[in-house]
Amino acid sequence: MSENRTLTGIPGFLVGHWTHAQARTGCTVILCPPGGAVASASFLGPSPGTREGVLLSPDKKVERVHALLLTGGSAFGLGAAGGVVRVLEERGVGHETPWARVPLVPAAVIYDLGVG
C-alpha cells in the first residue's frame, strides 16, 4: 500500500472540490483540524484577488485559520468563502471573540472568466 503524500494524508485536514463544467471553473476548500492551522502567504502579481489574505501576514494577531478557499471566477468566486464560513459557524468552529466565534477563511481567486 502506498503512503498518502498529499494534503489529505495529514491528520485532521479535509479537502473538497467542486467543478462547474459549463463555466470551466471551480473551487477547492481545505478544512483545517478543529483547532485551526497556522498559515502564511505571499500574494504576487498586479491584481491579486483575495479575501482575508491580509490575515496571513506574519505581523497580524490571527495565529490560526480554519479553512482555505482556492477558487476561480474572479471576484465572483470569492463569494464561495461565505458558504465555507457559514458551514464552519454551524459546526461551532472559529476564532473566539467577546461577541461571537468567527471562522477565519482566507481565499484566493484566479481570473478565469475567459476560459468557459
PDB file of N, CA and C in Angstrom:
ATOM      1  N   MET A   1       0.847  -1.180   0.000  1.00  0.00           N
ATOM      2  CA  MET A   1       0.000   0.000   0.000  1.00  0.00           C
ATOM      3  C   MET A   1       0.893   1.244   0.000  1.00  0.00           C
ATOM      4  N   SER A   2       0.599   2.192  -0.866  1.00  0.00           N
ATOM      5  CA  SER A   2       1.439   3.386  -0.954  1.00  0.00           C
ATOM      6  C   SER A   2       1.038   4.415   0.104  1.00  0.00           C
ATOM      7  N   GLU A   3       2.014   5.190   0.503  1.00  0.00           N
ATOM      8  CA  GLU A   3       1.808   6.227   1.514  1.00  0.00           C
ATOM      9  C   GLU A   3       1.115   7.434   0.882  1.00  0.00           C
ATOM     10  N   ASN A   4       0.151   8.006   1.595  1.00  0.00           N
ATOM     11  CA  ASN A   4      -0.547   9.197   1.111  1.00  0.00           C
ATOM     12  C   ASN A   4       0.332  10.413   1.370  1.00  0.00           C
ATOM     13  N   ARG A   5       0.933  10.967   0.307  1.00  0.00           N
ATOM     14  CA  ARG A   5       1.819  12.117   0.431  1.00  0.00           C
ATOM     15  C   ARG A   5       1.115  13.408  -0.011  1.00  0.00           C
ATOM     16  N   THR A   6      -0.205  13.399   0.028  1.00  0.00           N
ATOM     17  CA  THR A   6      -0.971  14.590  -0.334  1.00  0.00           C
ATOM     18  C   THR A   6      -1.433  15.303   0.925  1.00  0.00           C
ATOM     19  N   LEU A   7      -2.083  16.428   0.746  1.00  0.00           N
ATOM     20  CA  LEU A   7      -2.591  17.189   1.881  1.00  0.00           C
ATOM     21  C   LEU A   7      -3.560  16.372   2.723  1.00  0.00           C
ATOM     22  N   THR A   8      -4.320  15.497   2.099  1.00  0.00           N
ATOM     23  CA  THR A   8      -5.265  14.678   2.853  1.00  0.00           C
ATOM     24  C   THR A   8      -4.565  13.605   3.679  1.00  0.00           C
ATOM     25  N   GLY A   9      -3.279  13.423   3.482  1.00  0.00           N
ATOM     26  CA  GLY A   9      -2.513  12.488   4.290  1.00  0.00           C
ATOM     27  C   GLY A   9      -2.122  13.060   5.636  1.00  0.00           C
ATOM     28  N   ILE A  10      -2.343  14.350   5.846  1.00  0.00           N
ATOM     29  CA  ILE A  10      -2.035  14.997   7.120  1.00  0.00           C
ATOM     30  C   ILE A  10      -3.267  14.847   8.014  1.00  0.00           C
ATOM     31  N   PRO A  11      -3.116  14.234   9.177  1.00  0.00           N
ATOM     32  CA  PRO A  11      -4.283  14.007  10.045  1.00  0.00           C
ATOM     33  C   PRO A  11      -5.058  15.296  10.344  1.00  0.00           C
ATOM     34  N   GLY A  12      -6.373  15.196  10.193  1.00  0.00           N
ATOM     35  CA  GLY A  12      -7.249  16.311  10.530  1.00  0.00           C
ATOM     36  C   GLY A  12      -7.612  17.213   9.369  1.00  0.00           C
ATOM     37  N   PHE A  13      -6.875  17.167   8.262  1.00  0.00           N
ATOM     38  CA  PHE A  13      -7.179  18.020   7.115  1.00  0.00           C
ATOM     39  C   PHE A  13      -8.132  17.303   6.168  1.00  0.00           C
ATOM     40  N   LEU A  14      -9.114  18.029   5.676  1.00  0.00           N
ATOM     41  CA  LEU A  14     -10.060  17.513   4.691  1.00  0.00           C
ATOM     42  C   LEU A  14     -10.029  18.433   3.485  1.00  0.00           C
ATOM     43  N   VAL A  15     -10.167  17.878   2.302  1.00  0.00           N
ATOM     44  CA  VAL A  15     -10.133  18.665   1.073  1.00  0.00           C
ATOM     45  C   VAL A  15     -11.355  18.314   0.237  1.00  0.00           C
ATOM     46  N   GLY A  16     -12.033  19.338  -0.250  1.00  0.00           N
ATOM     47  CA  GLY A  16     -13.171  19.127  -1.133  1.00  0.00           C
ATOM     48  C   GLY A  16     -13.043  19.998  -2.366  1.00  0.00           C
ATOM     49  N   HIS A  17     -13.614  19.530  -3.474  1.00  0.00           N
ATOM     50  CA  HIS A  17     -13.538  20.290  -4.724  1.00  0.00           C
ATOM     51  C   HIS A  17     -14.882  20.237  -5.428  1.00  0.00           C
ATOM     52  N   TRP A  18     -15.209  21.327  -6.094  1.00  0.00           N
ATOM     53  CA  TRP A  18     -16.417  21.405  -6.909  1.00  0.00           C
ATOM     54  C   TRP A  18     -16.044  22.022  -8.245  1.00  0.00           C
ATOM     55  N   THR A  19     -16.571  21.458  -9.315  1.00  0.00           N
ATOM     56  CA  THR A  19     -16.306  21.966 -10.661  1.00  0.00           C
ATOM     57  C   THR A  19     -17.611  22.345 -11.334  1.00  0.00           C
ATOM     58  N   HIS A  20     -17.625  23.504 -11.971  1.00  0.00           N
ATOM     59  CA  HIS A  20     -18.744  23.924 -12.811  1.00  0.00           C
ATOM     60  C   HIS A  20     -18.321  23.605 -14.245  1.00  0.00           C
ATOM     61  N   ALA A  21     -18.821  22.515 -14.776  1.00  0.00           N
ATOM     62  CA  ALA A  21     -18.351  22.014 -16.062  1.00  0.00           C
ATOM     63  C   ALA A  21     -18.586  23.004 -17.208  1.00  0.00           C
ATOM     64  N   GLN A  22     -19.753  23.639 -17.259  1.00  0.00           N
ATOM     65  CA  GLN A  22     -20.041  24.563 -18.355  1.00  0.00           C
ATOM     66  C   GLN A  22     -19.158  25.802 -18.295  1.00  0.00           C
ATOM     67  N   ALA A  23     -18.979  26.364 -17.115  1.00  0.00           N
ATOM     68  CA  ALA A  23     -18.176  27.574 -16.975  1.00  0.00           C
ATOM     69  C   ALA A  23     -16.679  27.266 -16.942  1.00  0.00           C
ATOM     70  N   ARG A  24     -16.337  25.983 -16.816  1.00  0.00           N
ATOM     71  CA  ARG A  24     -14.941  25.542 -16.751  1.00  0.00           C
ATOM     72  C   ARG A  24     -14.171  26.265 -15.652  1.00  0.00           C
ATOM     73  N   THR A  25     -14.765  26.217 -14.463  1.00  0.00           N
ATOM     74  CA  THR A  25     -14.158  26.821 -13.283  1.00  0.00           C
ATOM     75  C   THR A  25     -14.538  25.957 -12.085  1.00  0.00           C
ATOM     76  N   GLY A  26     -14.083  26.326 -10.928  1.00  0.00           N
ATOM     77  CA  GLY A  26     -14.431  25.560  -9.744  1.00  0.00           C
ATOM     78  C   GLY A  26     -13.776  26.119  -8.508  1.00  0.00           C
ATOM     79  N   CYS A  27     -13.865  25.370  -7.423  1.00  0.00           N
ATOM     80  CA  CYS A  27     -13.237  25.811  -6.188  1.00  0.00           C
ATOM     81  C   CYS A  27     -12.798  24.607  -5.370  1.00  0.00           C
ATOM     82  N   THR A  28     -11.774  24.822  -4.578  1.00  0.00           N
ATOM     83  CA  THR A  28     -11.246  23.801  -3.684  1.00  0.00           C
ATOM     84  C   THR A  28     -11.201  24.385  -2.287  1.00  0.00           C
ATOM     85  N   VAL A  29     -11.697  23.626  -1.313  1.00  0.00           N
ATOM     86  CA  VAL A  29     -11.699  24.050   0.081  1.00  0.00           C
ATOM     87  C   VAL A  29     -10.817  23.096   0.871  1.00  0.00           C
ATOM     88  N   ILE A  30      -9.964  23.669   1.684  1.00  0.00           N
ATOM     89  CA  ILE A  30      -9.134  22.897   2.603  1.00  0.00           C
ATOM     90  C   ILE A  30      -9.639  23.198   4.004  1.00  0.00           C
ATOM     91  N   LEU A  31     -10.237  22.207   4.649  1.00  0.00           N
ATOM     92  CA  LEU A  31     -10.715  22.362   6.026  1.00  0.00           C
ATOM     93  C   LEU A  31      -9.590  21.941   6.959  1.00  0.00           C
ATOM     94  N   CYS A  32      -9.294  22.783   7.916  1.00  0.00           N
ATOM     95  CA  CYS A  32      -8.218  22.523   8.873  1.00  0.00           C
ATOM     96  C   CYS A  32      -8.741  21.697  10.044  1.00  0.00           C
ATOM     97  N   PRO A  33      -7.844  21.115  10.830  1.00  0.00           N
ATOM     98  CA  PRO A  33      -8.276  20.391  12.031  1.00  0.00           C
ATOM     99  C   PRO A  33      -9.079  21.318  12.952  1.00  0.00           C
ATOM    100  N   PRO A  34      -9.828  20.768  13.901  1.00  0.00           N
ATOM    101  CA  PRO A  34     -10.711  21.584  14.753  1.00  0.00           C
ATOM    102  C   PRO A  34     -10.069  22.815  15.393  1.00  0.00           C
ATOM    103  N   GLY A  35      -8.833  22.772  15.802  1.00  0.00           N
ATOM    104  CA  GLY A  35      -8.183  23.934  16.420  1.00  0.00           C
ATOM    105  C   GLY A  35      -7.618  24.931  15.435  1.00  0.00           C
ATOM    106  N   GLY A  36      -7.792  24.662  14.139  1.00  0.00           N
ATOM    107  CA  GLY A  36      -7.247  25.535  13.118  1.00  0.00           C
ATOM    108  C   GLY A  36      -5.819  25.153  12.773  1.00  0.00           C
ATOM    109  N   ALA A  37      -5.212  25.929  11.897  1.00  0.00           N
ATOM    110  CA  ALA A  37      -3.848  25.663  11.464  1.00  0.00           C
ATOM    111  C   ALA A  37      -3.129  26.976  11.211  1.00  0.00           C
ATOM    112  N   VAL A  38      -1.834  26.966  11.440  1.00  0.00           N
ATOM    113  CA  VAL A  38      -1.004  28.134  11.148  1.00  0.00           C
ATOM    114  C   VAL A  38      -0.890  28.255   9.633  1.00  0.00           C
ATOM    115  N   ALA A  39      -1.046  29.460   9.121  1.00  0.00           N
ATOM    116  CA  ALA A  39      -0.963  29.670   7.680  1.00  0.00           C
ATOM    117  C   ALA A  39      -0.247  30.986   7.398  1.00  0.00           C
ATOM    118  N   SER A  40       0.401  31.045   6.251  1.00  0.00           N
ATOM    119  CA  SER A  40       1.068  32.261   5.812  1.00  0.00           C
ATOM    120  C   SER A  40       1.017  32.281   4.294  1.00  0.00           C
ATOM    121  N   ALA A  41       1.075  33.459   3.709  1.00  0.00           N
ATOM    122  CA  ALA A  41       1.015  33.545   2.253  1.00  0.00           C
ATOM    123  C   ALA A  41       1.657  34.832   1.764  1.00  0.00           C
ATOM    124  N   SER A  42       2.010  34.807   0.501  1.00  0.00           N
ATOM    125  CA  SER A  42       2.507  35.990  -0.192  1.00  0.00           C
ATOM    126  C   SER A  42       1.699  36.102  -1.475  1.00  0.00           C
ATOM    127  N   PHE A  43       1.133  37.257  -1.722  1.00  0.00           N
ATOM    128  CA  PHE A  43       0.309  37.451  -2.907  1.00  0.00           C
ATOM    129  C   PHE A  43       1.065  38.322  -3.894  1.00  0.00           C
ATOM    130  N   LEU A  44       1.406  37.739  -5.025  1.00  0.00           N
ATOM    131  CA  LEU A  44       2.193  38.428  -6.042  1.00  0.00           C
ATOM    132  C   LEU A  44       1.331  38.721  -7.256  1.00  0.00           C
ATOM    133  N   GLY A  45       1.840  39.552  -8.134  1.00  0.00           N
ATOM    134  CA  GLY A  45       1.133  39.872  -9.361  1.00  0.00           C
ATOM    135  C   GLY A  45       0.495  41.245  -9.273  1.00  0.00           C
ATOM    136  N   PRO A  46       0.027  41.742 -10.414  1.00  0.00           N
ATOM    137  CA  PRO A  46      -0.500  43.110 -10.453  1.00  0.00           C
ATOM    138  C   PRO A  46      -1.842  43.289  -9.767  1.00  0.00           C
ATOM    139  N   SER A  47      -2.662  42.252  -9.702  1.00  0.00           N
ATOM    140  CA  SER A  47      -4.006  42.390  -9.137  1.00  0.00           C
ATOM    141  C   SER A  47      -4.434  41.121  -8.415  1.00  0.00           C
ATOM    142  N   PRO A  48      -3.777  40.765  -7.309  1.00  0.00           N
ATOM    143  CA  PRO A  48      -4.184  39.531  -6.629  1.00  0.00           C
ATOM    144  C   PRO A  48      -5.572  39.679  -6.014  1.00  0.00           C
ATOM    145  N   GLY A  49      -6.399  38.683  -6.243  1.00  0.00           N
ATOM    146  CA  GLY A  49      -7.742  38.681  -5.682  1.00  0.00           C
ATOM    147  C   GLY A  49      -7.774  37.816  -4.436  1.00  0.00           C
ATOM    148  N   THR A  50      -8.094  38.423  -3.297  1.00  0.00           N
ATOM    149  CA  THR A  50      -8.122  37.670  -2.053  1.00  0.00           C
ATOM    150  C   THR A  50      -9.270  38.131  -1.168  1.00  0.00           C
ATOM    151  N   ARG A  51      -9.575  37.299  -0.204  1.00  0.00           N
ATOM    152  CA  ARG A  51     -10.472  37.654   0.891  1.00  0.00           C
ATOM    153  C   ARG A  51      -9.748  37.248   2.161  1.00  0.00           C
ATOM    154  N   GLU A  52      -9.579  38.152   3.064  1.00  0.00           N
ATOM    155  CA  GLU A  52      -8.882  37.936   4.333  1.00  0.00           C
ATOM    156  C   GLU A  52      -7.426  37.512   4.138  1.00  0.00           C
ATOM    157  N   GLY A  53      -6.874  37.770   2.965  1.00  0.00           N
ATOM    158  CA  GLY A  53      -5.482  37.428   2.715  1.00  0.00           C
ATOM    159  C   GLY A  53      -4.518  38.173   3.615  1.00  0.00           C
ATOM    160  N   VAL A  54      -4.880  39.385   3.987  1.00  0.00           N
ATOM    161  CA  VAL A  54      -4.001  40.178   4.858  1.00  0.00           C
ATOM    162  C   VAL A  54      -3.826  39.510   6.220  1.00  0.00           C
ATOM    163  N   LEU A  55      -4.769  38.668   6.632  1.00  0.00           N
ATOM    164  CA  LEU A  55      -4.652  37.964   7.907  1.00  0.00           C
ATOM    165  C   LEU A  55      -3.457  37.014   7.936  1.00  0.00           C
ATOM    166  N   LEU A  56      -2.976  36.633   6.771  1.00  0.00           N
ATOM    167  CA  LEU A  56      -1.882  35.665   6.682  1.00  0.00           C
ATOM    168  C   LEU A  56      -0.509  36.315   6.802  1.00  0.00           C
ATOM    169  N   SER A  57      -0.482  37.615   6.966  1.00  0.00           N
ATOM    170  CA  SER A  57       0.785  38.321   7.151  1.00  0.00           C
ATOM    171  C   SER A  57       1.310  38.028   8.552  1.00  0.00           C
ATOM    172  N   PRO A  58       2.630  37.788   8.681  1.00  0.00           N
ATOM    173  CA  PRO A  58       3.169  37.403   9.993  1.00  0.00           C
ATOM    174  C   PRO A  58       3.017  38.456  11.097  1.00  0.00           C
ATOM    175  N   ASP A  59       2.758  39.698  10.740  1.00  0.00           N
ATOM    176  CA  ASP A  59       2.634  40.729  11.764  1.00  0.00           C
ATOM    177  C   ASP A  59       1.200  40.899  12.285  1.00  0.00           C
ATOM    178  N   LYS A  60       0.286  40.055  11.854  1.00  0.00           N
ATOM    179  CA  LYS A  60      -1.111  40.164  12.288  1.00  0.00           C
ATOM    180  C   LYS A  60      -1.370  39.301  13.519  1.00  0.00           C
ATOM    181  N   LYS A  61      -2.409  39.633  14.246  1.00  0.00           N
ATOM    182  CA  LYS A  61      -2.764  38.959  15.500  1.00  0.00           C
ATOM    183  C   LYS A  61      -3.261  37.529  15.287  1.00  0.00           C
ATOM    184  N   VAL A  62      -3.929  37.293  14.178  1.00  0.00           N
ATOM    185  CA  VAL A  62      -4.508  35.981  13.910  1.00  0.00           C
ATOM    186  C   VAL A  62      -3.390  34.949  13.791  1.00  0.00           C
ATOM    187  N   GLU A  63      -3.503  33.884  14.575  1.00  0.00           N
ATOM    188  CA  GLU A  63      -2.478  32.845  14.563  1.00  0.00           C
ATOM    189  C   GLU A  63      -2.912  31.597  13.801  1.00  0.00           C
ATOM    190  N   ARG A  64      -4.217  31.382  13.668  1.00  0.00           N
ATOM    191  CA  ARG A  64      -4.695  30.157  13.024  1.00  0.00           C
ATOM    192  C   ARG A  64      -5.891  30.461  12.130  1.00  0.00           C
ATOM    193  N   VAL A  65      -5.993  29.706  11.059  1.00  0.00           N
ATOM    194  CA  VAL A  65      -7.156  29.782  10.175  1.00  0.00           C
ATOM    195  C   VAL A  65      -7.901  28.462  10.269  1.00  0.00           C
ATOM    196  N   HIS A  66      -9.154  28.467   9.846  1.00  0.00           N
ATOM    197  CA  HIS A  66      -9.998  27.285   9.985  1.00  0.00           C
ATOM    198  C   HIS A  66     -10.250  26.586   8.654  1.00  0.00           C
ATOM    199  N   ALA A  67     -10.011  27.307   7.568  1.00  0.00           N
ATOM    200  CA  ALA A  67     -10.140  26.730   6.227  1.00  0.00           C
ATOM    201  C   ALA A  67      -9.457  27.679   5.250  1.00  0.00           C
ATOM    202  N   LEU A  68      -9.172  27.164   4.081  1.00  0.00           N
ATOM    203  CA  LEU A  68      -8.660  27.976   2.969  1.00  0.00           C
ATOM    204  C   LEU A  68      -9.517  27.666   1.755  1.00  0.00           C
ATOM    205  N   LEU A  69      -9.769  28.699   0.933  1.00  0.00           N
ATOM    206  CA  LEU A  69     -10.520  28.516  -0.303  1.00  0.00           C
ATOM    207  C   LEU A  69      -9.651  28.959  -1.465  1.00  0.00           C
ATOM    208  N   LEU A  70      -9.528  28.101  -2.458  1.00  0.00           N
ATOM    209  CA  LEU A  70      -8.866  28.429  -3.718  1.00  0.00           C
ATOM    210  C   LEU A  70      -9.946  28.332  -4.782  1.00  0.00           C
ATOM    211  N   THR A  71     -10.175  29.418  -5.513  1.00  0.00           N
ATOM    212  CA  THR A  71     -11.331  29.440  -6.399  1.00  0.00           C
ATOM    213  C   THR A  71     -11.040  30.128  -7.716  1.00  0.00           C
ATOM    214  N   GLY A  72     -11.865  29.818  -8.686  1.00  0.00           N
ATOM    215  CA  GLY A  72     -11.864  30.525  -9.956  1.00  0.00           C
ATOM    216  C   GLY A  72     -13.021  31.505  -9.942  1.00  0.00           C
ATOM    217  N   GLY A  73     -13.259  32.142 -11.062  1.00  0.00           N
ATOM    218  CA  GLY A  73     -14.412  33.022 -11.172  1.00  0.00           C
ATOM    219  C   GLY A  73     -14.161  34.475 -10.840  1.00  0.00           C
ATOM    220  N   SER A  74     -12.894  34.854 -10.740  1.00  0.00           N
ATOM    221  CA  SER A  74     -12.531  36.233 -10.431  1.00  0.00           C
ATOM    222  C   SER A  74     -13.240  36.679  -9.148  1.00  0.00           C
ATOM    223  N   ALA A  75     -13.637  37.918  -9.056  1.00  0.00           N
ATOM    224  CA  ALA A  75     -14.263  38.435  -7.836  1.00  0.00           C
ATOM    225  C   ALA A  75     -15.555  37.693  -7.496  1.00  0.00           C
ATOM    226  N   PHE A  76     -16.226  37.124  -8.496  1.00  0.00           N
ATOM    227  CA  PHE A  76     -17.453  36.372  -8.243  1.00  0.00           C
ATOM    228  C   PHE A  76     -17.171  35.122  -7.414  1.00  0.00           C
ATOM    229  N   GLY A  77     -16.047  34.492  -7.647  1.00  0.00           N
ATOM    230  CA  GLY A  77     -15.697  33.261  -6.951  1.00  0.00           C
ATOM    231  C   GLY A  77     -15.414  33.453  -5.478  1.00  0.00           C
ATOM    232  N   LEU A  78     -14.972  34.642  -5.092  1.00  0.00           N
ATOM    233  CA  LEU A  78     -14.661  34.887  -3.686  1.00  0.00           C
ATOM    234  C   LEU A  78     -15.892  34.746  -2.797  1.00  0.00           C
ATOM    235  N   GLY A  79     -17.074  34.881  -3.363  1.00  0.00           N
ATOM    236  CA  GLY A  79     -18.302  34.722  -2.597  1.00  0.00           C
ATOM    237  C   GLY A  79     -18.465  33.323  -2.015  1.00  0.00           C
ATOM    238  N   ALA A  80     -17.782  32.338  -2.609  1.00  0.00           N
ATOM    239  CA  ALA A  80     -17.865  30.973  -2.100  1.00  0.00           C
ATOM    240  C   ALA A  80     -17.318  30.879  -0.677  1.00  0.00           C
ATOM    241  N   ALA A  81     -16.441  31.791  -0.293  1.00  0.00           N
ATOM    242  CA  ALA A  81     -15.898  31.782   1.077  1.00  0.00           C
ATOM    243  C   ALA A  81     -17.015  31.979   2.101  1.00  0.00           C
ATOM    244  N   GLY A  82     -18.040  32.718   1.734  1.00  0.00           N
ATOM    245  CA  GLY A  82     -19.171  32.921   2.644  1.00  0.00           C
ATOM    246  C   GLY A  82     -19.857  31.615   2.988  1.00  0.00           C
ATOM    247  N   GLY A  83     -19.958  30.706   2.030  1.00  0.00           N
ATOM    248  CA  GLY A  83     -20.548  29.400   2.296  1.00  0.00           C
ATOM    249  C   GLY A  83     -19.696  28.566   3.236  1.00  0.00           C
ATOM    250  N   VAL A  84     -18.373  28.653   3.070  1.00  0.00           N
ATOM    251  CA  VAL A  84     -17.466  27.918   3.955  1.00  0.00           C
ATOM    252  C   VAL A  84     -17.582  28.467   5.376  1.00  0.00           C
ATOM    253  N   VAL A  85     -17.629  29.790   5.504  1.00  0.00           N
ATOM    254  CA  VAL A  85     -17.776  30.421   6.816  1.00  0.00           C
ATOM    255  C   VAL A  85     -19.082  29.968   7.473  1.00  0.00           C
ATOM    256  N   ARG A  86     -20.155  29.933   6.707  1.00  0.00           N
ATOM    257  CA  ARG A  86     -21.468  29.531   7.249  1.00  0.00           C
ATOM    258  C   ARG A  86     -21.426  28.102   7.788  1.00  0.00           C
ATOM    259  N   VAL A  87     -20.845  27.188   7.017  1.00  0.00           N
ATOM    260  CA  VAL A  87     -20.775  25.787   7.452  1.00  0.00           C
ATOM    261  C   VAL A  87     -19.925  25.662   8.718  1.00  0.00           C
ATOM    262  N   LEU A  88     -18.800  26.347   8.760  1.00  0.00           N
ATOM    263  CA  LEU A  88     -17.956  26.283   9.953  1.00  0.00           C
ATOM    264  C   LEU A  88     -18.662  26.884  11.160  1.00  0.00           C
ATOM    265  N   GLU A  89     -19.385  27.974  10.954  1.00  0.00           N
ATOM    266  CA  GLU A  89     -20.138  28.579  12.054  1.00  0.00           C
ATOM    267  C   GLU A  89     -21.168  27.588  12.586  1.00  0.00           C
ATOM    268  N   GLU A  90     -21.870  26.899  11.693  1.00  0.00           N
ATOM    269  CA  GLU A  90     -22.866  25.908  12.107  1.00  0.00           C
ATOM    270  C   GLU A  90     -22.234  24.777  12.913  1.00  0.00           C
ATOM    271  N   ARG A  91     -20.966  24.488  12.655  1.00  0.00           N
ATOM    272  CA  ARG A  91     -20.250  23.426  13.365  1.00  0.00           C
ATOM    273  C   ARG A  91     -19.563  23.931  14.636  1.00  0.00           C
ATOM    274  N   GLY A  92     -19.697  25.227  14.927  1.00  0.00           N
ATOM    275  CA  GLY A  92     -19.089  25.792  16.122  1.00  0.00           C
ATOM    276  C   GLY A  92     -17.592  26.010  16.007  1.00  0.00           C
ATOM    277  N   VAL A  93     -17.094  26.126  14.781  1.00  0.00           N
ATOM    278  CA  VAL A  93     -15.664  26.318  14.546  1.00  0.00           C
ATOM    279  C   VAL A  93     -15.390  27.795  14.324  1.00  0.00           C
ATOM    280  N   GLY A  94     -14.342  28.326  14.951  1.00  0.00           N
ATOM    281  CA  GLY A  94     -13.978  29.709  14.699  1.00  0.00           C
ATOM    282  C   GLY A  94     -13.088  30.292  15.773  1.00  0.00           C
ATOM    283  N   HIS A  95     -12.666  31.519  15.531  1.00  0.00           N
ATOM    284  CA  HIS A  95     -11.829  32.286  16.457  1.00  0.00           C
ATOM    285  C   HIS A  95     -12.751  32.928  17.495  1.00  0.00           C
ATOM    286  N   GLU A  96     -12.501  32.629  18.752  1.00  0.00           N
ATOM    287  CA  GLU A  96     -13.365  33.148  19.825  1.00  0.00           C
ATOM    288  C   GLU A  96     -13.109  34.635  20.029  1.00  0.00           C
ATOM    289  N   THR A  97     -14.174  35.414  19.974  1.00  0.00           N
ATOM    290  CA  THR A  97     -14.127  36.840  20.292  1.00  0.00           C
ATOM    291  C   THR A  97     -15.121  37.068  21.432  1.00  0.00           C
ATOM    292  N   PRO A  98     -15.133  38.255  22.034  1.00  0.00           N
ATOM    293  CA  PRO A  98     -16.106  38.511  23.110  1.00  0.00           C
ATOM    294  C   PRO A  98     -17.569  38.422  22.657  1.00  0.00           C
ATOM    295  N   TRP A  99     -17.836  38.542  21.356  1.00  0.00           N
ATOM    296  CA  TRP A  99     -19.210  38.598  20.875  1.00  0.00           C
ATOM    297  C   TRP A  99     -19.627  37.407  20.049  1.00  0.00           C
ATOM    298  N   ALA A 100     -18.686  36.725  19.419  1.00  0.00           N
ATOM    299  CA  ALA A 100     -19.045  35.590  18.559  1.00  0.00           C
ATOM    300  C   ALA A 100     -17.809  34.761  18.244  1.00  0.00           C
ATOM    301  N   ARG A 101     -18.048  33.546  17.816  1.00  0.00           N
ATOM    302  CA  ARG A 101     -16.980  32.690  17.293  1.00  0.00           C
ATOM    303  C   ARG A 101     -16.941  32.946  15.784  1.00  0.00           C
ATOM    304  N   VAL A 102     -15.802  33.406  15.274  1.00  0.00           N
ATOM    305  CA  VAL A 102     -15.692  33.826  13.878  1.00  0.00           C
ATOM    306  C   VAL A 102     -14.771  32.874  13.103  1.00  0.00           C
ATOM    307  N   PRO A 103     -15.318  32.111  12.151  1.00  0.00           N
ATOM    308  CA  PRO A 103     -14.473  31.262  11.321  1.00  0.00           C
ATOM    309  C   PRO A 103     -13.589  32.122  10.412  1.00  0.00           C
ATOM    310  N   LEU A 104     -12.311  31.810  10.368  1.00  0.00           N
ATOM    311  CA  LEU A 104     -11.372  32.545   9.525  1.00  0.00           C
ATOM    312  C   LEU A 104     -11.066  31.711   8.289  1.00  0.00           C
ATOM    313  N   VAL A 105     -11.471  32.235   7.133  1.00  0.00           N
ATOM    314  CA  VAL A 105     -11.358  31.500   5.875  1.00  0.00           C
ATOM    315  C   VAL A 105     -10.731  32.405   4.812  1.00  0.00           C
ATOM    316  N   PRO A 106      -9.419  32.512   4.785  1.00  0.00           N
ATOM    317  CA  PRO A 106      -8.789  33.272   3.706  1.00  0.00           C
ATOM    318  C   PRO A 106      -9.055  32.587   2.362  1.00  0.00           C
ATOM    319  N   ALA A 107      -9.168  33.399   1.323  1.00  0.00           N
ATOM    320  CA  ALA A 107      -9.459  32.869  -0.005  1.00  0.00           C
ATOM    321  C   ALA A 107      -8.605  33.586  -1.045  1.00  0.00           C
ATOM    322  N   ALA A 108      -8.251  32.847  -2.083  1.00  0.00           N
ATOM    323  CA  ALA A 108      -7.528  33.421  -3.220  1.00  0.00           C
ATOM    324  C   ALA A 108      -8.248  32.982  -4.485  1.00  0.00           C
ATOM    325  N   VAL A 109      -8.271  33.873  -5.475  1.00  0.00           N
ATOM    326  CA  VAL A 109      -9.024  33.626  -6.684  1.00  0.00           C
ATOM    327  C   VAL A 109      -8.130  33.820  -7.911  1.00  0.00           C
ATOM    328  N   ILE A 110      -8.446  33.100  -8.969  1.00  0.00           N
ATOM    329  CA  ILE A 110      -7.791  33.350 -10.248  1.00  0.00           C
ATOM    330  C   ILE A 110      -8.807  33.927 -11.204  1.00  0.00           C
ATOM    331  N   TYR A 111      -8.314  34.687 -12.150  1.00  0.00           N
ATOM    332  CA  TYR A 111      -9.180  35.267 -13.186  1.00  0.00           C
ATOM    333  C   TYR A 111      -9.262  34.269 -14.331  1.00  0.00           C
ATOM    334  N   ASP A 112     -10.357  33.534 -14.389  1.00  0.00           N
ATOM    335  CA  ASP A 112     -10.522  32.533 -15.432  1.00  0.00           C
ATOM    336  C   ASP A 112     -11.825  32.735 -16.213  1.00  0.00           C
ATOM    337  N   LEU A 113     -12.352  33.951 -16.197  1.00  0.00           N
ATOM    338  CA  LEU A 113     -13.659  34.207 -16.826  1.00  0.00           C
ATOM    339  C   LEU A 113     -13.641  33.936 -18.321  1.00  0.00           C
ATOM    340  N   GLY A 114     -12.514  34.116 -18.981  1.00  0.00           N
ATOM    341  CA  GLY A 114     -12.460  33.893 -20.420  1.00  0.00           C
ATOM    342  C   GLY A 114     -12.304  32.433 -20.822  1.00  0.00           C
ATOM    343  N   VAL A 115     -12.128  31.561 -19.856  1.00  0.00           N
ATOM    344  CA  VAL A 115     -11.893  30.139 -20.162  1.00  0.00           C
ATOM    345  C   VAL A 115     -13.186  29.445 -20.561  1.00  0.00           C
ATOM    346  N   GLY A 116     -14.251  29.666 -19.797  1.00  0.00           N
ATOM    347  CA  GLY A 116     -15.511  28.964 -20.060  1.00  0.00           C
ATOM    348  C   GLY A 116     -16.523  29.876 -20.659  1.00  0.00           C
TER     349      GLY A 116
END
